């Protein structure tokens, strides 16, 4: 495969993030990050309630699969086609992750794939070089630094198809309300689930654990795909970059950490294609397909995978469902 060569339009700095952009991103990235750090102290001193864990787990599952199934495999890579209600539901679920609207997220990700680990990639850990110091700096950049100091990706260039989708454009405008719901819904459910008709203490606890901490953890899992999975991991398939498989991230990322296959075959609806590779996002897409909500699903097959496999395969390949 011939690698696309960066052009001036790709590698030149785009429109810089303004002060208002940095403040907004700083708040919605920084506050959950601080909450994750504070959770260690709170957990040690007071623990966490069962209600908070249940609410947080449900909200996490919805948001993470909104990102993996919706933002990533559907909108960015067209791994399947979705009925309109499912499309809208996945876009809303992805927005609950507080990682931006679908248009911005997908534009950044398509740019990442076009120049993965090369000039033009918005969040490669190899951005500053290959020395120990450069890679350490690159890890910080790929994990969180790029969210605060990155140039804006040109949506007209990278996601013209999504800009033509009225549903996604409307939902992008509704992002503030959806984000407010993502933070507020756990507090409301927790307060109503507490002792009595309304329990303020339970509401605050749910807001902290199932709101702030849940979003902070989800952010770090998503960022780990950008940083850790482009620095280390097994590489059983040929890709143009340094993407690798990191097994321990798979349960938390919905199967996104089987990143080597994804970069070798970006439009595949399944990323975990080898035996034992958990990919809950692919299972969910399969359920949508069985229900008739997802069509034209691009499942991997033996021929397609064999063309991308390295000369010494690690084991037998699982067939598509």
C-alpha atoms as a PDB file:
ATOM      1  CA  UNK A   1       0.000   0.000   0.000  1.00  0.00           C
ATOM      2  CA  UNK A   2       1.278   3.438  -0.913  1.00  0.00           C
ATOM      3  CA  UNK A   3       1.079   5.945   1.879  1.00  0.00           C
ATOM      4  CA  UNK A   4      -0.650   9.240   1.093  1.00  0.00           C
ATOM      5  CA  UNK A   5       1.858  12.042   1.218  1.00  0.00           C
ATOM      6  CA  UNK A   6       1.045  15.025   3.440  1.00  0.00           C
ATOM      7  CA  UNK A   7       0.239  18.187   1.579  1.00  0.00           C
ATOM      8  CA  UNK A   8       0.684  21.728   2.830  1.00  0.00           C
ATOM      9  CA  UNK A   9      -3.035  21.899   3.596  1.00  0.00           C
ATOM     10  CA  UNK A  10      -2.777  18.804   5.783  1.00  0.00           C
ATOM     11  CA  UNK A  11       0.361  19.601   7.759  1.00  0.00           C
ATOM     12  CA  UNK A  12       0.116  23.369   8.047  1.00  0.00           C
ATOM     13  CA  UNK A  13      -1.478  24.586  11.284  1.00  0.00           C
ATOM     14  CA  UNK A  14      -5.226  24.947  10.978  1.00  0.00           C
ATOM     15  CA  UNK A  15      -7.332  27.555  12.718  1.00  0.00           C
ATOM     16  CA  UNK A  16      -5.936  27.710  16.255  1.00  0.00           C
ATOM     17  CA  UNK A  17      -8.111  27.069  19.273  1.00  0.00           C
ATOM     18  CA  UNK A  18      -9.239  30.387  20.675  1.00  0.00           C
ATOM     19  CA  UNK A  19      -9.209  31.365  24.325  1.00  0.00           C
ATOM     20  CA  UNK A  20     -12.889  30.519  24.709  1.00  0.00           C
ATOM     21  CA  UNK A  21     -12.305  27.095  23.139  1.00  0.00           C
ATOM     22  CA  UNK A  22      -9.487  26.344  25.572  1.00  0.00           C
ATOM     23  CA  UNK A  23     -11.548  27.452  28.563  1.00  0.00           C
ATOM     24  CA  UNK A  24     -14.491  25.238  27.583  1.00  0.00           C
ATOM     25  CA  UNK A  25     -12.288  22.225  26.841  1.00  0.00           C
ATOM     26  CA  UNK A  26     -10.277  22.868  29.993  1.00  0.00           C
ATOM     27  CA  UNK A  27     -13.409  22.807  32.140  1.00  0.00           C
ATOM     28  CA  UNK A  28     -14.936  19.694  30.611  1.00  0.00           C
ATOM     29  CA  UNK A  29     -11.607  17.845  30.519  1.00  0.00           C
ATOM     30  CA  UNK A  30     -10.054  19.217  33.685  1.00  0.00           C
ATOM     31  CA  UNK A  31     -12.948  18.896  36.133  1.00  0.00           C
ATOM     32  CA  UNK A  32     -13.598  15.170  35.467  1.00  0.00           C
ATOM     33  CA  UNK A  33      -9.812  14.615  35.578  1.00  0.00           C
ATOM     34  CA  UNK A  34      -9.610  16.220  39.015  1.00  0.00           C
ATOM     35  CA  UNK A  35     -12.637  14.167  40.088  1.00  0.00           C
ATOM     36  CA  UNK A  36     -10.837  10.954  39.118  1.00  0.00           C
ATOM     37  CA  UNK A  37      -7.880  11.982  41.288  1.00  0.00           C
ATOM     38  CA  UNK A  38     -10.170  12.993  44.147  1.00  0.00           C
ATOM     39  CA  UNK A  39     -12.065   9.704  43.883  1.00  0.00           C
ATOM     40  CA  UNK A  40      -9.070   7.876  45.333  1.00  0.00           C
ATOM     41  CA  UNK A  41      -9.333   9.938  48.523  1.00  0.00           C
ATOM     42  CA  UNK A  42     -13.135   9.717  48.637  1.00  0.00           C
ATOM     43  CA  UNK A  43     -13.079   5.969  48.041  1.00  0.00           C
ATOM     44  CA  UNK A  44     -10.521   5.502  50.841  1.00  0.00           C
ATOM     45  CA  UNK A  45     -12.405   7.660  53.327  1.00  0.00           C
ATOM     46  CA  UNK A  46     -16.083   7.069  52.544  1.00  0.00           C
ATOM     47  CA  UNK A  47     -16.353   4.391  49.865  1.00  0.00           C
ATOM     48  CA  UNK A  48     -18.822   4.307  47.003  1.00  0.00           C
ATOM     49  CA  UNK A  49     -22.452   3.199  47.133  1.00  0.00           C
ATOM     50  CA  UNK A  50     -24.049   0.435  45.083  1.00  0.00           C
ATOM     51  CA  UNK A  51     -26.508   2.890  43.531  1.00  0.00           C
ATOM     52  CA  UNK A  52     -23.633   5.081  42.320  1.00  0.00           C
ATOM     53  CA  UNK A  53     -21.880   2.085  40.762  1.00  0.00           C
ATOM     54  CA  UNK A  54     -25.025   0.911  38.971  1.00  0.00           C
ATOM     55  CA  UNK A  55     -25.893   4.372  37.615  1.00  0.00           C
ATOM     56  CA  UNK A  56     -22.273   4.985  36.621  1.00  0.00           C
ATOM     57  CA  UNK A  57     -21.927   1.605  34.895  1.00  0.00           C
ATOM     58  CA  UNK A  58     -25.100   2.121  32.854  1.00  0.00           C
ATOM     59  CA  UNK A  59     -24.143   5.655  31.836  1.00  0.00           C
ATOM     60  CA  UNK A  60     -20.588   4.519  31.007  1.00  0.00           C
ATOM     61  CA  UNK A  61     -21.843   1.640  28.834  1.00  0.00           C
ATOM     62  CA  UNK A  62     -24.203   3.912  26.915  1.00  0.00           C
ATOM     63  CA  UNK A  63     -21.606   6.648  26.356  1.00  0.00           C
ATOM     64  CA  UNK A  64     -18.655   4.411  25.486  1.00  0.00           C
ATOM     65  CA  UNK A  65     -20.678   2.521  22.869  1.00  0.00           C
ATOM     66  CA  UNK A  66     -22.026   5.816  21.576  1.00  0.00           C
ATOM     67  CA  UNK A  67     -18.401   6.669  20.818  1.00  0.00           C
ATOM     68  CA  UNK A  68     -17.235   3.256  19.578  1.00  0.00           C
ATOM     69  CA  UNK A  69     -20.298   2.136  17.628  1.00  0.00           C
ATOM     70  CA  UNK A  70     -21.682   5.548  16.687  1.00  0.00           C
ATOM     71  CA  UNK A  71     -18.943   8.157  16.352  1.00  0.00           C
ATOM     72  CA  UNK A  72     -16.231   5.704  15.328  1.00  0.00           C
ATOM     73  CA  UNK A  73     -17.495   2.706  13.394  1.00  0.00           C
ATOM     74  CA  UNK A  74     -20.676   4.249  11.936  1.00  0.00           C
ATOM     75  CA  UNK A  75     -20.030   7.944  11.341  1.00  0.00           C
ATOM     76  CA  UNK A  76     -16.254   7.999  10.805  1.00  0.00           C
ATOM     77  CA  UNK A  77     -15.669   4.719   8.951  1.00  0.00           C
ATOM     78  CA  UNK A  78     -19.093   3.723   7.563  1.00  0.00           C
ATOM     79  CA  UNK A  79     -18.692   0.154   8.833  1.00  0.00           C
ATOM     80  CA  UNK A  80     -22.479  -0.247   8.579  1.00  0.00           C
ATOM     81  CA  UNK A  81     -25.610   1.696   7.731  1.00  0.00           C
ATOM     82  CA  UNK A  82     -28.069   2.560  10.481  1.00  0.00           C
ATOM     83  CA  UNK A  83     -31.777   3.262  10.452  1.00  0.00           C
ATOM     84  CA  UNK A  84     -32.493   6.900  11.297  1.00  0.00           C
ATOM     85  CA  UNK A  85     -33.692   6.277  14.894  1.00  0.00           C
ATOM     86  CA  UNK A  86     -30.574   4.226  15.616  1.00  0.00           C
ATOM     87  CA  UNK A  87     -28.344   6.848  14.001  1.00  0.00           C
ATOM     88  CA  UNK A  88     -29.824   9.589  16.170  1.00  0.00           C
ATOM     89  CA  UNK A  89     -29.665   7.452  19.317  1.00  0.00           C
ATOM     90  CA  UNK A  90     -25.980   6.639  18.725  1.00  0.00           C
ATOM     91  CA  UNK A  91     -25.154  10.294  18.095  1.00  0.00           C
ATOM     92  CA  UNK A  92     -26.838  11.299  21.355  1.00  0.00           C
ATOM     93  CA  UNK A  93     -25.108   8.467  23.227  1.00  0.00           C
ATOM     94  CA  UNK A  94     -21.733   9.570  21.860  1.00  0.00           C
ATOM     95  CA  UNK A  95     -22.362  13.161  22.919  1.00  0.00           C
ATOM     96  CA  UNK A  96     -22.971  11.886  26.471  1.00  0.00           C
ATOM     97  CA  UNK A  97     -19.253  11.010  26.599  1.00  0.00           C
ATOM     98  CA  UNK A  98     -18.437  14.749  26.583  1.00  0.00           C
ATOM     99  CA  UNK A  99     -15.806  14.356  23.862  1.00  0.00           C
ATOM    100  CA  UNK A 100     -17.348  16.858  21.464  1.00  0.00           C
ATOM    101  CA  UNK A 101     -20.048  16.595  18.820  1.00  0.00           C
ATOM    102  CA  UNK A 102     -19.949  13.944  16.115  1.00  0.00           C
ATOM    103  CA  UNK A 103     -18.832  16.382  13.399  1.00  0.00           C
ATOM    104  CA  UNK A 104     -15.735  17.557  15.295  1.00  0.00           C
ATOM    105  CA  UNK A 105     -14.830  14.115  16.660  1.00  0.00           C
ATOM    106  CA  UNK A 106     -15.068  12.396  13.277  1.00  0.00           C
ATOM    107  CA  UNK A 107     -13.153  15.147  11.464  1.00  0.00           C
ATOM    108  CA  UNK A 108     -10.246  14.756  13.887  1.00  0.00           C
ATOM    109  CA  UNK A 109     -10.352  10.989  13.589  1.00  0.00           C
ATOM    110  CA  UNK A 110     -10.430  10.897   9.801  1.00  0.00           C
ATOM    111  CA  UNK A 111      -7.447  13.238   9.773  1.00  0.00           C
ATOM    112  CA  UNK A 112      -5.719  10.897  12.231  1.00  0.00           C
ATOM    113  CA  UNK A 113      -6.225   7.924   9.899  1.00  0.00           C
ATOM    114  CA  UNK A 114      -5.060   9.806   6.828  1.00  0.00           C
ATOM    115  CA  UNK A 115      -1.690  10.549   8.414  1.00  0.00           C
ATOM    116  CA  UNK A 116      -1.459   8.170  11.357  1.00  0.00           C
ATOM    117  CA  UNK A 117       1.845   8.626  13.229  1.00  0.00           C
ATOM    118  CA  UNK A 118       3.103  11.005  10.541  1.00  0.00           C
ATOM    119  CA  UNK A 119       3.016  14.786  10.027  1.00  0.00           C
ATOM    120  CA  UNK A 120      -0.636  15.799   9.929  1.00  0.00           C
ATOM    121  CA  UNK A 121      -1.775  13.360  12.630  1.00  0.00           C
ATOM    122  CA  UNK A 122      -3.436  15.464  15.362  1.00  0.00           C
ATOM    123  CA  UNK A 123      -2.549  13.123  18.237  1.00  0.00           C
ATOM    124  CA  UNK A 124       0.380  10.817  17.557  1.00  0.00           C
ATOM    125  CA  UNK A 125       2.730   9.952  20.468  1.00  0.00           C
ATOM    126  CA  UNK A 126       5.571  10.059  17.920  1.00  0.00           C
ATOM    127  CA  UNK A 127       4.931  13.730  17.134  1.00  0.00           C
ATOM    128  CA  UNK A 128       8.177  14.984  18.679  1.00  0.00           C
ATOM    129  CA  UNK A 129      10.587  12.188  17.700  1.00  0.00           C
ATOM    130  CA  UNK A 130      11.779   8.801  18.890  1.00  0.00           C
ATOM    131  CA  UNK A 131      14.130   9.598  21.767  1.00  0.00           C
ATOM    132  CA  UNK A 132      13.008   8.692  25.282  1.00  0.00           C
ATOM    133  CA  UNK A 133      12.337  12.332  26.127  1.00  0.00           C
ATOM    134  CA  UNK A 134      10.507  12.951  22.837  1.00  0.00           C
ATOM    135  CA  UNK A 135       8.293   9.878  23.272  1.00  0.00           C
ATOM    136  CA  UNK A 136       7.478  10.838  26.878  1.00  0.00           C
ATOM    137  CA  UNK A 137       6.463  14.279  25.652  1.00  0.00           C
ATOM    138  CA  UNK A 138       4.537  12.679  22.798  1.00  0.00           C
ATOM    139  CA  UNK A 139       2.621  10.422  25.186  1.00  0.00           C
ATOM    140  CA  UNK A 140       1.399  13.422  27.153  1.00  0.00           C
ATOM    141  CA  UNK A 141       0.462  15.151  23.904  1.00  0.00           C
ATOM    142  CA  UNK A 142      -1.382  12.123  22.483  1.00  0.00           C
ATOM    143  CA  UNK A 143      -3.187  11.429  25.735  1.00  0.00           C
ATOM    144  CA  UNK A 144      -4.436  14.869  26.722  1.00  0.00           C
ATOM    145  CA  UNK A 145      -2.256  17.710  25.430  1.00  0.00           C
ATOM    146  CA  UNK A 146      -3.753  17.758  21.945  1.00  0.00           C
ATOM    147  CA  UNK A 147      -7.251  18.397  23.346  1.00  0.00           C
ATOM    148  CA  UNK A 148      -6.090  21.723  24.771  1.00  0.00           C
ATOM    149  CA  UNK A 149      -3.642  22.967  22.134  1.00  0.00           C
ATOM    150  CA  UNK A 150      -4.584  21.288  18.865  1.00  0.00           C
ATOM    151  CA  UNK A 151      -5.378  23.081  15.624  1.00  0.00           C
ATOM    152  CA  UNK A 152      -8.982  22.741  14.492  1.00  0.00           C
ATOM    153  CA  UNK A 153      -9.562  20.181  11.742  1.00  0.00           C
ATOM    154  CA  UNK A 154     -11.277  21.476   8.612  1.00  0.00           C
ATOM    155  CA  UNK A 155     -14.738  19.881   8.689  1.00  0.00           C
ATOM    156  CA  UNK A 156     -15.539  20.907   5.118  1.00  0.00           C
ATOM    157  CA  UNK A 157     -12.567  18.854   3.981  1.00  0.00           C
ATOM    158  CA  UNK A 158     -12.845  15.810   6.220  1.00  0.00           C
ATOM    159  CA  UNK A 159     -16.563  15.336   6.965  1.00  0.00           C
ATOM    160  CA  UNK A 160     -18.599  16.901   4.124  1.00  0.00           C
ATOM    161  CA  UNK A 161     -20.914  13.877   4.228  1.00  0.00           C
ATOM    162  CA  UNK A 162     -21.685  14.430   7.905  1.00  0.00           C
ATOM    163  CA  UNK A 163     -22.191  18.160   7.425  1.00  0.00           C
ATOM    164  CA  UNK A 164     -24.880  17.237   4.896  1.00  0.00           C
ATOM    165  CA  UNK A 165     -26.698  15.167   7.543  1.00  0.00           C
ATOM    166  CA  UNK A 166     -29.296  17.475   9.114  1.00  0.00           C
ATOM    167  CA  UNK A 167     -29.750  15.211  12.132  1.00  0.00           C
ATOM    168  CA  UNK A 168     -26.070  15.348  13.062  1.00  0.00           C
ATOM    169  CA  UNK A 169     -25.902  19.111  12.495  1.00  0.00           C
ATOM    170  CA  UNK A 170     -28.919  19.656  14.763  1.00  0.00           C
ATOM    171  CA  UNK A 171     -27.488  17.410  17.462  1.00  0.00           C
ATOM    172  CA  UNK A 172     -24.193  19.292  17.298  1.00  0.00           C
ATOM    173  CA  UNK A 173     -26.120  22.465  18.104  1.00  0.00           C
ATOM    174  CA  UNK A 174     -27.852  20.672  20.985  1.00  0.00           C
ATOM    175  CA  UNK A 175     -24.538  19.483  22.419  1.00  0.00           C
ATOM    176  CA  UNK A 176     -24.665  21.776  25.508  1.00  0.00           C
ATOM    177  CA  UNK A 177     -28.056  20.384  26.556  1.00  0.00           C
ATOM    178  CA  UNK A 178     -26.961  16.776  26.007  1.00  0.00           C
ATOM    179  CA  UNK A 179     -23.791  17.364  28.024  1.00  0.00           C
ATOM    180  CA  UNK A 180     -25.865  18.934  30.801  1.00  0.00           C
ATOM    181  CA  UNK A 181     -28.044  15.820  30.787  1.00  0.00           C
ATOM    182  CA  UNK A 182     -24.937  13.612  30.971  1.00  0.00           C
ATOM    183  CA  UNK A 183     -23.875  15.338  34.182  1.00  0.00           C
ATOM    184  CA  UNK A 184     -27.340  15.953  35.621  1.00  0.00           C
ATOM    185  CA  UNK A 185     -29.165  12.682  34.958  1.00  0.00           C
ATOM    186  CA  UNK A 186     -27.049  10.650  37.421  1.00  0.00           C
ATOM    187  CA  UNK A 187     -27.743  13.204  40.155  1.00  0.00           C
ATOM    188  CA  UNK A 188     -31.498  13.114  39.533  1.00  0.00           C
ATOM    189  CA  UNK A 189     -31.645   9.311  39.433  1.00  0.00           C
ATOM    190  CA  UNK A 190     -29.404   9.042  42.497  1.00  0.00           C
ATOM    191  CA  UNK A 191     -31.497  11.539  44.455  1.00  0.00           C
ATOM    192  CA  UNK A 192     -34.746   9.750  43.629  1.00  0.00           C
ATOM    193  CA  UNK A 193     -33.171   6.367  44.371  1.00  0.00           C
ATOM    194  CA  UNK A 194     -31.987   7.462  47.792  1.00  0.00           C
ATOM    195  CA  UNK A 195     -33.856   7.410  51.089  1.00  0.00           C
ATOM    196  CA  UNK A 196     -37.150   9.268  50.974  1.00  0.00           C
ATOM    197  CA  UNK A 197     -38.772  11.143  48.100  1.00  0.00           C
ATOM    198  CA  UNK A 198     -35.583  13.124  47.501  1.00  0.00           C
ATOM    199  CA  UNK A 199     -32.168  12.509  49.024  1.00  0.00           C
ATOM    200  CA  UNK A 200     -29.754  15.448  48.449  1.00  0.00           C
ATOM    201  CA  UNK A 201     -26.768  13.479  49.750  1.00  0.00           C
ATOM    202  CA  UNK A 202     -27.457  10.603  47.354  1.00  0.00           C
ATOM    203  CA  UNK A 203     -27.871  13.091  44.508  1.00  0.00           C
ATOM    204  CA  UNK A 204     -24.471  14.670  45.161  1.00  0.00           C
ATOM    205  CA  UNK A 205     -22.842  11.260  45.510  1.00  0.00           C
ATOM    206  CA  UNK A 206     -24.288  10.076  42.182  1.00  0.00           C
ATOM    207  CA  UNK A 207     -23.273  13.349  40.529  1.00  0.00           C
ATOM    208  CA  UNK A 208     -19.695  12.810  41.698  1.00  0.00           C
ATOM    209  CA  UNK A 209     -19.298   9.087  40.962  1.00  0.00           C
ATOM    210  CA  UNK A 210     -21.691   8.456  38.060  1.00  0.00           C
ATOM    211  CA  UNK A 211     -21.229  11.920  36.567  1.00  0.00           C
ATOM    212  CA  UNK A 212     -17.773  13.423  37.028  1.00  0.00           C
ATOM    213  CA  UNK A 213     -15.722  10.300  37.753  1.00  0.00           C
ATOM    214  CA  UNK A 214     -17.505   8.251  35.083  1.00  0.00           C
ATOM    215  CA  UNK A 215     -16.779  10.863  32.411  1.00  0.00           C
ATOM    216  CA  UNK A 216     -13.184  11.258  33.603  1.00  0.00           C
ATOM    217  CA  UNK A 217     -12.552   7.517  33.364  1.00  0.00           C
ATOM    218  CA  UNK A 218     -14.152   7.353  29.913  1.00  0.00           C
ATOM    219  CA  UNK A 219     -11.962  10.223  28.724  1.00  0.00           C
ATOM    220  CA  UNK A 220      -8.808   8.434  29.826  1.00  0.00           C
ATOM    221  CA  UNK A 221      -9.861   5.175  28.182  1.00  0.00           C
ATOM    222  CA  UNK A 222     -10.503   6.983  24.890  1.00  0.00           C
ATOM    223  CA  UNK A 223      -7.227   8.903  25.113  1.00  0.00           C
ATOM    224  CA  UNK A 224      -5.369   5.676  25.895  1.00  0.00           C
ATOM    225  CA  UNK A 225      -6.296   4.387  22.443  1.00  0.00           C
ATOM    226  CA  UNK A 226      -4.512   7.436  20.993  1.00  0.00           C
ATOM    227  CA  UNK A 227      -1.464   7.173  23.244  1.00  0.00           C
ATOM    228  CA  UNK A 228      -0.854   3.636  24.549  1.00  0.00           C
ATOM    229  CA  UNK A 229      -2.183   1.779  21.495  1.00  0.00           C
ATOM    230  CA  UNK A 230       0.122   3.749  19.192  1.00  0.00           C
ATOM    231  CA  UNK A 231       3.160   3.112  21.346  1.00  0.00           C
ATOM    232  CA  UNK A 232       2.978  -0.561  22.274  1.00  0.00           C
ATOM    233  CA  UNK A 233       0.997  -3.768  21.710  1.00  0.00           C
ATOM    234  CA  UNK A 234       0.953  -6.777  19.383  1.00  0.00           C
ATOM    235  CA  UNK A 235       0.863  -6.133  15.637  1.00  0.00           C
ATOM    236  CA  UNK A 236      -0.396  -9.295  13.895  1.00  0.00           C
ATOM    237  CA  UNK A 237      -1.653  -7.326  10.870  1.00  0.00           C
ATOM    238  CA  UNK A 238       0.108  -5.015   8.455  1.00  0.00           C
ATOM    239  CA  UNK A 239      -0.642  -1.340   8.972  1.00  0.00           C
ATOM    240  CA  UNK A 240       1.054   1.858   7.773  1.00  0.00           C
ATOM    241  CA  UNK A 241       1.564   3.087  11.326  1.00  0.00           C
ATOM    242  CA  UNK A 242       2.515   1.888  14.821  1.00  0.00           C
ATOM    243  CA  UNK A 243      -0.937   0.862  16.003  1.00  0.00           C
ATOM    244  CA  UNK A 244      -0.950  -2.126  18.359  1.00  0.00           C
ATOM    245  CA  UNK A 245      -3.328  -4.356  20.314  1.00  0.00           C
ATOM    246  CA  UNK A 246      -3.530  -3.728  24.087  1.00  0.00           C
ATOM    247  CA  UNK A 247      -5.653  -6.502  25.583  1.00  0.00           C
ATOM    248  CA  UNK A 248      -6.342  -5.043  29.021  1.00  0.00           C
ATOM    249  CA  UNK A 249      -8.024  -1.953  27.541  1.00  0.00           C
ATOM    250  CA  UNK A 250     -10.534  -4.003  25.521  1.00  0.00           C
ATOM    251  CA  UNK A 251     -13.224  -4.486  28.225  1.00  0.00           C
ATOM    252  CA  UNK A 252     -13.241  -0.771  29.059  1.00  0.00           C
ATOM    253  CA  UNK A 253     -13.030   0.550  25.485  1.00  0.00           C
ATOM    254  CA  UNK A 254     -15.720  -1.584  23.852  1.00  0.00           C
ATOM    255  CA  UNK A 255     -13.091  -3.481  21.856  1.00  0.00           C
ATOM    256  CA  UNK A 256     -11.371  -0.391  20.458  1.00  0.00           C
ATOM    257  CA  UNK A 257      -7.960  -1.408  21.798  1.00  0.00           C
ATOM    258  CA  UNK A 258      -7.633  -4.154  19.172  1.00  0.00           C
ATOM    259  CA  UNK A 259      -6.196  -1.206  17.337  1.00  0.00           C
ATOM    260  CA  UNK A 260      -3.807  -2.946  14.968  1.00  0.00           C
ATOM    261  CA  UNK A 261      -6.562  -4.649  12.971  1.00  0.00           C
ATOM    262  CA  UNK A 262      -8.544  -1.433  12.956  1.00  0.00           C
ATOM    263  CA  UNK A 263      -5.721   0.491  11.284  1.00  0.00           C
ATOM    264  CA  UNK A 264      -5.063  -2.401   8.915  1.00  0.00           C
ATOM    265  CA  UNK A 265      -8.763  -2.510   7.950  1.00  0.00           C
ATOM    266  CA  UNK A 266     -10.497   0.698   9.145  1.00  0.00           C
ATOM    267  CA  UNK A 267     -13.963  -0.050   7.739  1.00  0.00           C
ATOM    268  CA  UNK A 268     -14.280  -3.406   9.521  1.00  0.00           C
ATOM    269  CA  UNK A 269     -17.217  -3.520  11.944  1.00  0.00           C
ATOM    270  CA  UNK A 270     -15.264  -5.906  14.183  1.00  0.00           C
ATOM    271  CA  UNK A 271     -11.869  -5.008  15.616  1.00  0.00           C
ATOM    272  CA  UNK A 272     -11.253  -8.056  17.820  1.00  0.00           C
ATOM    273  CA  UNK A 273     -11.039 -10.727  15.116  1.00  0.00           C
ATOM    274  CA  UNK A 274      -8.762 -13.290  16.777  1.00  0.00           C
ATOM    275  CA  UNK A 275      -9.844 -15.918  19.338  1.00  0.00           C
ATOM    276  CA  UNK A 276     -10.436 -14.499  22.803  1.00  0.00           C
ATOM    277  CA  UNK A 277     -10.498 -10.855  21.678  1.00  0.00           C
ATOM    278  CA  UNK A 278     -13.486  -9.276  23.444  1.00  0.00           C
ATOM    279  CA  UNK A 279     -15.264  -6.717  21.253  1.00  0.00           C
ATOM    280  CA  UNK A 280     -18.576  -5.641  22.807  1.00  0.00           C
ATOM    281  CA  UNK A 281     -19.082  -3.000  20.124  1.00  0.00           C
ATOM    282  CA  UNK A 282     -19.104  -5.657  17.403  1.00  0.00           C
ATOM    283  CA  UNK A 283     -21.594  -7.717  19.425  1.00  0.00           C
ATOM    284  CA  UNK A 284     -23.860  -4.704  19.744  1.00  0.00           C
ATOM    285  CA  UNK A 285     -23.688  -4.038  16.010  1.00  0.00           C
ATOM    286  CA  UNK A 286     -24.604  -7.687  15.458  1.00  0.00           C
ATOM    287  CA  UNK A 287     -27.686  -7.277  17.664  1.00  0.00           C
ATOM    288  CA  UNK A 288     -28.668  -4.165  15.719  1.00  0.00           C
ATOM    289  CA  UNK A 289     -28.247  -6.146  12.509  1.00  0.00           C
ATOM    290  CA  UNK A 290     -30.457  -8.984  13.768  1.00  0.00           C
ATOM    291  CA  UNK A 291     -33.109  -6.423  14.731  1.00  0.00           C
ATOM    292  CA  UNK A 292     -32.969  -4.934  11.220  1.00  0.00           C
ATOM    293  CA  UNK A 293     -31.688  -1.571  12.474  1.00  0.00           C
ATOM    294  CA  UNK A 294     -28.187  -1.997  10.986  1.00  0.00           C
ATOM    295  CA  UNK A 295     -27.592  -3.058   7.387  1.00  0.00           C
ATOM    296  CA  UNK A 296     -24.675  -3.478   4.981  1.00  0.00           C
ATOM    297  CA  UNK A 297     -22.400  -4.380   7.887  1.00  0.00           C
ATOM    298  CA  UNK A 298     -18.783  -4.831   6.830  1.00  0.00           C
ATOM    299  CA  UNK A 299     -17.875  -7.979   8.748  1.00  0.00           C
ATOM    300  CA  UNK A 300     -14.334  -9.297   8.272  1.00  0.00           C
ATOM    301  CA  UNK A 301     -13.840 -12.603   6.477  1.00  0.00           C
ATOM    302  CA  UNK A 302     -10.884 -14.946   6.027  1.00  0.00           C
ATOM    303  CA  UNK A 303      -9.941 -13.576   2.609  1.00  0.00           C
ATOM    304  CA  UNK A 304     -10.027  -9.980   3.765  1.00  0.00           C
ATOM    305  CA  UNK A 305      -7.963 -10.708   6.871  1.00  0.00           C
ATOM    306  CA  UNK A 306      -5.452 -12.945   5.095  1.00  0.00           C
ATOM    307  CA  UNK A 307      -4.553 -10.068   2.788  1.00  0.00           C
ATOM    308  CA  UNK A 308      -3.610  -7.969   5.826  1.00  0.00           C
ATOM    309  CA  UNK A 309      -1.984 -10.602   8.005  1.00  0.00           C
ATOM    310  CA  UNK A 310       1.728 -10.527   8.707  1.00  0.00           C
ATOM    311  CA  UNK A 311       3.745 -13.484   7.354  1.00  0.00           C
ATOM    312  CA  UNK A 312       3.608 -15.395  10.674  1.00  0.00           C
ATOM    313  CA  UNK A 313       0.014 -15.374  11.961  1.00  0.00           C
ATOM    314  CA  UNK A 314      -0.638 -15.671  15.705  1.00  0.00           C
ATOM    315  CA  UNK A 315      -3.456 -18.217  15.363  1.00  0.00           C
ATOM    316  CA  UNK A 316      -6.738 -19.088  13.642  1.00  0.00           C
ATOM    317  CA  UNK A 317      -9.111 -16.311  12.688  1.00  0.00           C
ATOM    318  CA  UNK A 318     -12.661 -16.113  13.984  1.00  0.00           C
ATOM    319  CA  UNK A 319     -15.252 -15.977  11.247  1.00  0.00           C
ATOM    320  CA  UNK A 320     -17.663 -13.087  11.037  1.00  0.00           C
ATOM    321  CA  UNK A 321     -20.952 -13.692  12.887  1.00  0.00           C
END
